[in-house]
Amino acid sequence: MAKAIDITGHTYGRLTVIRRNGVAPGTGAAAWLCLCVCGKETTVNGYFLRKLITTSCGCAQRAASIKSNVKRGATIFGRRGVRGSNIDLDIHIERKMAREDEDDEAQS
């Protein structure tokens, strides 16, 4: 088995590696605890970090999805009347992601 590369302190996309966190299930690769720029901690397979397959905790994908839906005329809050052409997208994206994070914390 190959020796794990110490990537503590490195930044990959939005993730900064904090410390090693055991072994990734199924692959046997090193798992790393990372801190995302949004403030969430997540454990990521080291190979996925180094190859930039995983670059955030999921916040980037959520933000892109919200922005994409708004550009196509979908509503942000699931009701009619709030359209992408009349709103400041960044503020609404941050609010929606904050609500999703609160919902995730409440379920934990």
Foldseek 3Di string as FASTA:
>chain_A
DDDADDQAQDAAAQWHFHAWDAADPPPRATWTWIAGPVGDIDIDGPVCRVVSVDHGPCLVVQLVVLLVCLVVFQANVRDPDHGNVPDDSVVSSVVVVVVVVVVVVVVD
